[in-house]
Amino acid sequence: MPDEVYEILPDAATPLDDEAFCGRFEQLYNNLRDNTHIWELRGFTPYQYKAETGYELLRFELPKIKNVHKV
């Protein structure tokens, strides 16, 4: 799913060079993911999956984009 998000965001006119936006988006995405039962995790939430298997999922982070000056 994160790969799909990475592909969609540039075309969605999101301000990926705005650090505050990116931080808030990552926070909202991770909050949603943490509280959703995921098919690939056999219906567990990430917290339930960790409790059941001992494996922790990586947090979602947007790639860091360098500020480019437009002429």
PDB file of N, CA and C in Angstrom:
ATOM      1  N   MET A   1       0.807  -1.206   0.000  1.00  0.00           N
ATOM      2  CA  MET A   1       0.000   0.000   0.000  1.00  0.00           C
ATOM      3  C   MET A   1       0.852   1.273   0.000  1.00  0.00           C
ATOM      4  N   PRO A   2       1.936   1.370   0.783  1.00  0.00           N
ATOM      5  CA  PRO A   2       2.732   2.599   0.737  1.00  0.00           C
ATOM      6  C   PRO A   2       3.258   2.907  -0.664  1.00  0.00           C
ATOM      7  N   ASP A   3       3.593   1.875  -1.447  1.00  0.00           N
ATOM      8  CA  ASP A   3       4.078   2.123  -2.802  1.00  0.00           C
ATOM      9  C   ASP A   3       3.022   2.829  -3.636  1.00  0.00           C
ATOM     10  N   GLU A   4       1.762   2.449  -3.461  1.00  0.00           N
ATOM     11  CA  GLU A   4       0.671   3.094  -4.187  1.00  0.00           C
ATOM     12  C   GLU A   4       0.531   4.552  -3.764  1.00  0.00           C
ATOM     13  N   VAL A   5       0.701   4.821  -2.486  1.00  0.00           N
ATOM     14  CA  VAL A   5       0.608   6.198  -1.982  1.00  0.00           C
ATOM     15  C   VAL A   5       1.726   7.038  -2.590  1.00  0.00           C
ATOM     16  N   TYR A   6       2.953   6.496  -2.649  1.00  0.00           N
ATOM     17  CA  TYR A   6       4.076   7.222  -3.238  1.00  0.00           C
ATOM     18  C   TYR A   6       3.797   7.589  -4.692  1.00  0.00           C
ATOM     19  N   GLU A   7       3.122   6.707  -5.424  1.00  0.00           N
ATOM     20  CA  GLU A   7       2.827   6.962  -6.834  1.00  0.00           C
ATOM     21  C   GLU A   7       1.734   8.016  -7.005  1.00  0.00           C
ATOM     22  N   ILE A   8       0.760   8.050  -6.115  1.00  0.00           N
ATOM     23  CA  ILE A   8      -0.398   8.931  -6.251  1.00  0.00           C
ATOM     24  C   ILE A   8      -0.101  10.369  -5.823  1.00  0.00           C
ATOM     25  N   LEU A   9       0.654  10.556  -4.759  1.00  0.00           N
ATOM     26  CA  LEU A   9       0.840  11.889  -4.183  1.00  0.00           C
ATOM     27  C   LEU A   9       1.390  12.944  -5.139  1.00  0.00           C
ATOM     28  N   PRO A  10       2.403  12.658  -5.952  1.00  0.00           N
ATOM     29  CA  PRO A  10       2.896  13.716  -6.843  1.00  0.00           C
ATOM     30  C   PRO A  10       1.834  14.213  -7.829  1.00  0.00           C
ATOM     31  N   ASP A  11       0.969  13.329  -8.290  1.00  0.00           N
ATOM     32  CA  ASP A  11      -0.071  13.722  -9.247  1.00  0.00           C
ATOM     33  C   ASP A  11      -1.290  14.342  -8.563  1.00  0.00           C
ATOM     34  N   ALA A  12      -1.355  14.282  -7.253  1.00  0.00           N
ATOM     35  CA  ALA A  12      -2.511  14.796  -6.517  1.00  0.00           C
ATOM     36  C   ALA A  12      -2.331  16.248  -6.085  1.00  0.00           C
ATOM     37  N   ALA A  13      -1.353  16.918  -6.622  1.00  0.00           N
ATOM     38  CA  ALA A  13      -1.082  18.326  -6.305  1.00  0.00           C
ATOM     39  C   ALA A  13      -0.872  18.537  -4.805  1.00  0.00           C
ATOM     40  N   THR A  14      -0.166  17.610  -4.169  1.00  0.00           N
ATOM     41  CA  THR A  14       0.147  17.746  -2.750  1.00  0.00           C
ATOM     42  C   THR A  14       1.464  18.500  -2.595  1.00  0.00           C
ATOM     43  N   PRO A  15       1.577  19.331  -1.578  1.00  0.00           N
ATOM     44  CA  PRO A  15       2.807  20.109  -1.383  1.00  0.00           C
ATOM     45  C   PRO A  15       3.897  19.273  -0.707  1.00  0.00           C
ATOM     46  N   LEU A  16       4.527  18.393  -1.476  1.00  0.00           N
ATOM     47  CA  LEU A  16       5.523  17.491  -0.911  1.00  0.00           C
ATOM     48  C   LEU A  16       6.794  18.196  -0.455  1.00  0.00           C
ATOM     49  N   ASP A  17       6.952  19.461  -0.798  1.00  0.00           N
ATOM     50  CA  ASP A  17       8.110  20.214  -0.328  1.00  0.00           C
ATOM     51  C   ASP A  17       7.812  20.946   0.978  1.00  0.00           C
ATOM     52  N   ASP A  18       6.585  20.829   1.472  1.00  0.00           N
ATOM     53  CA  ASP A  18       6.169  21.445   2.734  1.00  0.00           C
ATOM     54  C   ASP A  18       6.358  20.438   3.865  1.00  0.00           C
ATOM     55  N   GLU A  19       7.335  20.697   4.713  1.00  0.00           N
ATOM     56  CA  GLU A  19       7.686  19.770   5.787  1.00  0.00           C
ATOM     57  C   GLU A  19       6.525  19.539   6.756  1.00  0.00           C
ATOM     58  N   ALA A  20       5.762  20.583   7.067  1.00  0.00           N
ATOM     59  CA  ALA A  20       4.616  20.449   7.979  1.00  0.00           C
ATOM     60  C   ALA A  20       3.541  19.549   7.368  1.00  0.00           C
ATOM     61  N   PHE A  21       3.271  19.729   6.076  1.00  0.00           N
ATOM     62  CA  PHE A  21       2.283  18.882   5.404  1.00  0.00           C
ATOM     63  C   PHE A  21       2.728  17.422   5.434  1.00  0.00           C
ATOM     64  N   CYS A  22       3.970  17.169   5.075  1.00  0.00           N
ATOM     65  CA  CYS A  22       4.473  15.796   5.022  1.00  0.00           C
ATOM     66  C   CYS A  22       4.424  15.137   6.401  1.00  0.00           C
ATOM     67  N   GLY A  23       4.804  15.872   7.431  1.00  0.00           N
ATOM     68  CA  GLY A  23       4.755  15.321   8.786  1.00  0.00           C
ATOM     69  C   GLY A  23       3.338  14.981   9.210  1.00  0.00           C
ATOM     70  N   ARG A  24       2.409  15.859   8.921  1.00  0.00           N
ATOM     71  CA  ARG A  24       0.998  15.615   9.281  1.00  0.00           C
ATOM     72  C   ARG A  24       0.430  14.463   8.470  1.00  0.00           C
ATOM     73  N   PHE A  25       0.752  14.392   7.175  1.00  0.00           N
ATOM     74  CA  PHE A  25       0.264  13.303   6.339  1.00  0.00           C
ATOM     75  C   PHE A  25       0.780  11.960   6.843  1.00  0.00           C
ATOM     76  N   GLU A  26       2.070  11.884   7.168  1.00  0.00           N
ATOM     77  CA  GLU A  26       2.645  10.649   7.701  1.00  0.00           C
ATOM     78  C   GLU A  26       1.942  10.251   8.995  1.00  0.00           C
ATOM     79  N   GLN A  27       1.687  11.228   9.864  1.00  0.00           N
ATOM     80  CA  GLN A  27       1.012  10.965  11.137  1.00  0.00           C
ATOM     81  C   GLN A  27      -0.393  10.415  10.905  1.00  0.00           C
ATOM     82  N   LEU A  28      -1.152  11.049  10.017  1.00  0.00           N
ATOM     83  CA  LEU A  28      -2.508  10.582   9.722  1.00  0.00           C
ATOM     84  C   LEU A  28      -2.508   9.198   9.075  1.00  0.00           C
ATOM     85  N   TYR A  29      -1.592   8.971   8.132  1.00  0.00           N
ATOM     86  CA  TYR A  29      -1.512   7.675   7.453  1.00  0.00           C
ATOM     87  C   TYR A  29      -1.201   6.566   8.466  1.00  0.00           C
ATOM     88  N   ASN A  30      -0.213   6.810   9.322  1.00  0.00           N
ATOM     89  CA  ASN A  30       0.165   5.794  10.307  1.00  0.00           C
ATOM     90  C   ASN A  30      -0.941   5.558  11.328  1.00  0.00           C
ATOM     91  N   ASN A  31      -1.651   6.606  11.719  1.00  0.00           N
ATOM     92  CA  ASN A  31      -2.764   6.462  12.654  1.00  0.00           C
ATOM     93  C   ASN A  31      -3.866   5.599  12.029  1.00  0.00           C
ATOM     94  N   LEU A  32      -4.183   5.879  10.774  1.00  0.00           N
ATOM     95  CA  LEU A  32      -5.182   5.084  10.067  1.00  0.00           C
ATOM     96  C   LEU A  32      -4.735   3.634   9.947  1.00  0.00           C
ATOM     97  N   ARG A  33      -3.495   3.422   9.547  1.00  0.00           N
ATOM     98  CA  ARG A  33      -2.974   2.064   9.385  1.00  0.00           C
ATOM     99  C   ARG A  33      -2.971   1.308  10.706  1.00  0.00           C
ATOM    100  N   ASP A  34      -2.579   1.980  11.774  1.00  0.00           N
ATOM    101  CA  ASP A  34      -2.497   1.317  13.081  1.00  0.00           C
ATOM    102  C   ASP A  34      -3.850   0.874  13.607  1.00  0.00           C
ATOM    103  N   ASN A  35      -4.916   1.482  13.125  1.00  0.00           N
ATOM    104  CA  ASN A  35      -6.246   1.172  13.633  1.00  0.00           C
ATOM    105  C   ASN A  35      -7.134   0.471  12.613  1.00  0.00           C
ATOM    106  N   THR A  36      -6.523  -0.110  11.587  1.00  0.00           N
ATOM    107  CA  THR A  36      -7.268  -0.800  10.540  1.00  0.00           C
ATOM    108  C   THR A  36      -6.898  -2.277  10.532  1.00  0.00           C
ATOM    109  N   HIS A  37      -7.883  -3.132  10.406  1.00  0.00           N
ATOM    110  CA  HIS A  37      -7.633  -4.565  10.267  1.00  0.00           C
ATOM    111  C   HIS A  37      -7.193  -4.806   8.830  1.00  0.00           C
ATOM    112  N   ILE A  38      -6.004  -5.396   8.650  1.00  0.00           N
ATOM    113  CA  ILE A  38      -5.375  -5.500   7.342  1.00  0.00           C
ATOM    114  C   ILE A  38      -5.444  -6.938   6.831  1.00  0.00           C
ATOM    115  N   TRP A  39      -5.935  -7.090   5.611  1.00  0.00           N
ATOM    116  CA  TRP A  39      -6.101  -8.410   4.996  1.00  0.00           C
ATOM    117  C   TRP A  39      -4.788  -9.187   4.991  1.00  0.00           C
ATOM    118  N   GLU A  40      -3.702  -8.526   4.579  1.00  0.00           N
ATOM    119  CA  GLU A  40      -2.399  -9.191   4.479  1.00  0.00           C
ATOM    120  C   GLU A  40      -1.864  -9.642   5.834  1.00  0.00           C
ATOM    121  N   LEU A  41      -2.395  -9.093   6.900  1.00  0.00           N
ATOM    122  CA  LEU A  41      -1.975  -9.486   8.256  1.00  0.00           C
ATOM    123  C   LEU A  41      -2.981 -10.446   8.884  1.00  0.00           C
ATOM    124  N   ARG A  42      -3.711 -11.167   8.040  1.00  0.00           N
ATOM    125  CA  ARG A  42      -4.734 -12.133   8.475  1.00  0.00           C
ATOM    126  C   ARG A  42      -5.818 -11.452   9.317  1.00  0.00           C
ATOM    127  N   GLY A  43      -6.124 -10.206   8.994  1.00  0.00           N
ATOM    128  CA  GLY A  43      -7.192  -9.482   9.667  1.00  0.00           C
ATOM    129  C   GLY A  43      -6.783  -8.787  10.951  1.00  0.00           C
ATOM    130  N   PHE A  44      -5.513  -8.870  11.314  1.00  0.00           N
ATOM    131  CA  PHE A  44      -5.033  -8.191  12.515  1.00  0.00           C
ATOM    132  C   PHE A  44      -4.747  -6.717  12.225  1.00  0.00           C
ATOM    133  N   THR A  45      -4.796  -5.891  13.261  1.00  0.00           N
ATOM    134  CA  THR A  45      -4.222  -4.558  13.173  1.00  0.00           C
ATOM    135  C   THR A  45      -2.716  -4.735  13.353  1.00  0.00           C
ATOM    136  N   PRO A  46      -1.895  -3.748  13.010  1.00  0.00           N
ATOM    137  CA  PRO A  46      -0.452  -3.891  13.227  1.00  0.00           C
ATOM    138  C   PRO A  46      -0.090  -4.206  14.686  1.00  0.00           C
ATOM    139  N   TYR A  47      -0.805  -3.629  15.649  1.00  0.00           N
ATOM    140  CA  TYR A  47      -0.519  -3.926  17.062  1.00  0.00           C
ATOM    141  C   TYR A  47      -0.854  -5.380  17.401  1.00  0.00           C
ATOM    142  N   GLN A  48      -1.979  -5.859  16.907  1.00  0.00           N
ATOM    143  CA  GLN A  48      -2.356  -7.252  17.136  1.00  0.00           C
ATOM    144  C   GLN A  48      -1.362  -8.193  16.458  1.00  0.00           C
ATOM    145  N   TYR A  49      -0.930  -7.820  15.260  1.00  0.00           N
ATOM    146  CA  TYR A  49       0.031  -8.630  14.522  1.00  0.00           C
ATOM    147  C   TYR A  49       1.339  -8.747  15.301  1.00  0.00           C
ATOM    148  N   LYS A  50       1.811  -7.631  15.853  1.00  0.00           N
ATOM    149  CA  LYS A  50       3.049  -7.656  16.635  1.00  0.00           C
ATOM    150  C   LYS A  50       2.878  -8.521  17.885  1.00  0.00           C
ATOM    151  N   ALA A  51       1.737  -8.406  18.556  1.00  0.00           N
ATOM    152  CA  ALA A  51       1.482  -9.205  19.748  1.00  0.00           C
ATOM    153  C   ALA A  51       1.421 -10.702  19.411  1.00  0.00           C
ATOM    154  N   GLU A  52       0.884 -11.028  18.245  1.00  0.00           N
ATOM    155  CA  GLU A  52       0.725 -12.419  17.827  1.00  0.00           C
ATOM    156  C   GLU A  52       2.027 -13.030  17.315  1.00  0.00           C
ATOM    157  N   THR A  53       2.805 -12.251  16.532  1.00  0.00           N
ATOM    158  CA  THR A  53       3.983 -12.807  15.864  1.00  0.00           C
ATOM    159  C   THR A  53       5.315 -12.307  16.414  1.00  0.00           C
ATOM    160  N   GLY A  54       5.301 -11.155  17.063  1.00  0.00           N
ATOM    161  CA  GLY A  54       6.543 -10.558  17.537  1.00  0.00           C
ATOM    162  C   GLY A  54       7.215  -9.666  16.503  1.00  0.00           C
ATOM    163  N   TYR A  55       6.670  -9.617  15.273  1.00  0.00           N
ATOM    164  CA  TYR A  55       7.236  -8.780  14.216  1.00  0.00           C
ATOM    165  C   TYR A  55       6.558  -7.422  14.189  1.00  0.00           C
ATOM    166  N   GLU A  56       7.383  -6.371  14.100  1.00  0.00           N
ATOM    167  CA  GLU A  56       6.841  -5.017  14.044  1.00  0.00           C
ATOM    168  C   GLU A  56       6.940  -4.494  12.619  1.00  0.00           C
ATOM    169  N   LEU A  57       5.879  -3.862  12.135  1.00  0.00           N
ATOM    170  CA  LEU A  57       5.868  -3.292  10.794  1.00  0.00           C
ATOM    171  C   LEU A  57       6.592  -1.960  10.782  1.00  0.00           C
ATOM    172  N   LEU A  58       7.225  -1.649   9.670  1.00  0.00           N
ATOM    173  CA  LEU A  58       7.905  -0.368   9.520  1.00  0.00           C
ATOM    174  C   LEU A  58       6.885   0.759   9.441  1.00  0.00           C
ATOM    175  N   ARG A  59       7.245   1.925   9.949  1.00  0.00           N
ATOM    176  CA  ARG A  59       6.376   3.097   9.880  1.00  0.00           C
ATOM    177  C   ARG A  59       6.431   3.675   8.473  1.00  0.00           C
ATOM    178  N   PHE A  60       5.349   4.283   8.049  1.00  0.00           N
ATOM    179  CA  PHE A  60       5.279   4.931   6.748  1.00  0.00           C
ATOM    180  C   PHE A  60       5.976   6.272   6.819  1.00  0.00           C
ATOM    181  N   GLU A  61       6.850   6.540   5.861  1.00  0.00           N
ATOM    182  CA  GLU A  61       7.502   7.838   5.770  1.00  0.00           C
ATOM    183  C   GLU A  61       7.559   8.256   4.319  1.00  0.00           C
ATOM    184  N   LEU A  62       7.274   9.516   4.064  1.00  0.00           N
ATOM    185  CA  LEU A  62       7.402  10.052   2.717  1.00  0.00           C
ATOM    186  C   LEU A  62       8.879  10.240   2.412  1.00  0.00           C
ATOM    187  N   PRO A  63       9.266  10.055   1.153  1.00  0.00           N
ATOM    188  CA  PRO A  63      10.671  10.314   0.814  1.00  0.00           C
ATOM    189  C   PRO A  63      10.983  11.791   0.990  1.00  0.00           C
ATOM    190  N   LYS A  64      12.161  12.072   1.465  1.00  0.00           N
ATOM    191  CA  LYS A  64      12.566  13.467   1.674  1.00  0.00           C
ATOM    192  C   LYS A  64      12.916  14.081   0.324  1.00  0.00           C
ATOM    193  N   ILE A  65      12.329  15.237   0.026  1.00  0.00           N
ATOM    194  CA  ILE A  65      12.544  15.915  -1.242  1.00  0.00           C
ATOM    195  C   ILE A  65      13.355  17.170  -0.984  1.00  0.00           C
ATOM    196  N   LYS A  66      14.417  17.314  -1.753  1.00  0.00           N
ATOM    197  CA  LYS A  66      15.265  18.498  -1.622  1.00  0.00           C
ATOM    198  C   LYS A  66      14.547  19.694  -2.233  1.00  0.00           C
ATOM    199  N   ASN A  67      14.699  20.833  -1.605  1.00  0.00           N
ATOM    200  CA  ASN A  67      14.109  22.052  -2.156  1.00  0.00           C
ATOM    201  C   ASN A  67      14.848  22.447  -3.428  1.00  0.00           C
ATOM    202  N   VAL A  68      14.099  22.607  -4.485  1.00  0.00           N
ATOM    203  CA  VAL A  68      14.676  22.993  -5.765  1.00  0.00           C
ATOM    204  C   VAL A  68      14.155  24.378  -6.101  1.00  0.00           C
ATOM    205  N   HIS A  69      15.070  25.274  -6.383  1.00  0.00           N
ATOM    206  CA  HIS A  69      14.674  26.645  -6.736  1.00  0.00           C
ATOM    207  C   HIS A  69      14.248  26.667  -8.187  1.00  0.00           C
ATOM    208  N   LYS A  70      13.026  27.168  -8.419  1.00  0.00           N
ATOM    209  CA  LYS A  70      12.527  27.279  -9.785  1.00  0.00           C
ATOM    210  C   LYS A  70      12.896  28.644 -10.342  1.00  0.00           C
ATOM    211  N   VAL A  71      13.275  28.661 -11.598  1.00  0.00           N
ATOM    212  CA  VAL A  71      13.664  29.914 -12.243  1.00  0.00           C
ATOM    213  C   VAL A  71      12.515  30.432 -13.069  1.00  0.00           C
TER     214      VAL A  71
END
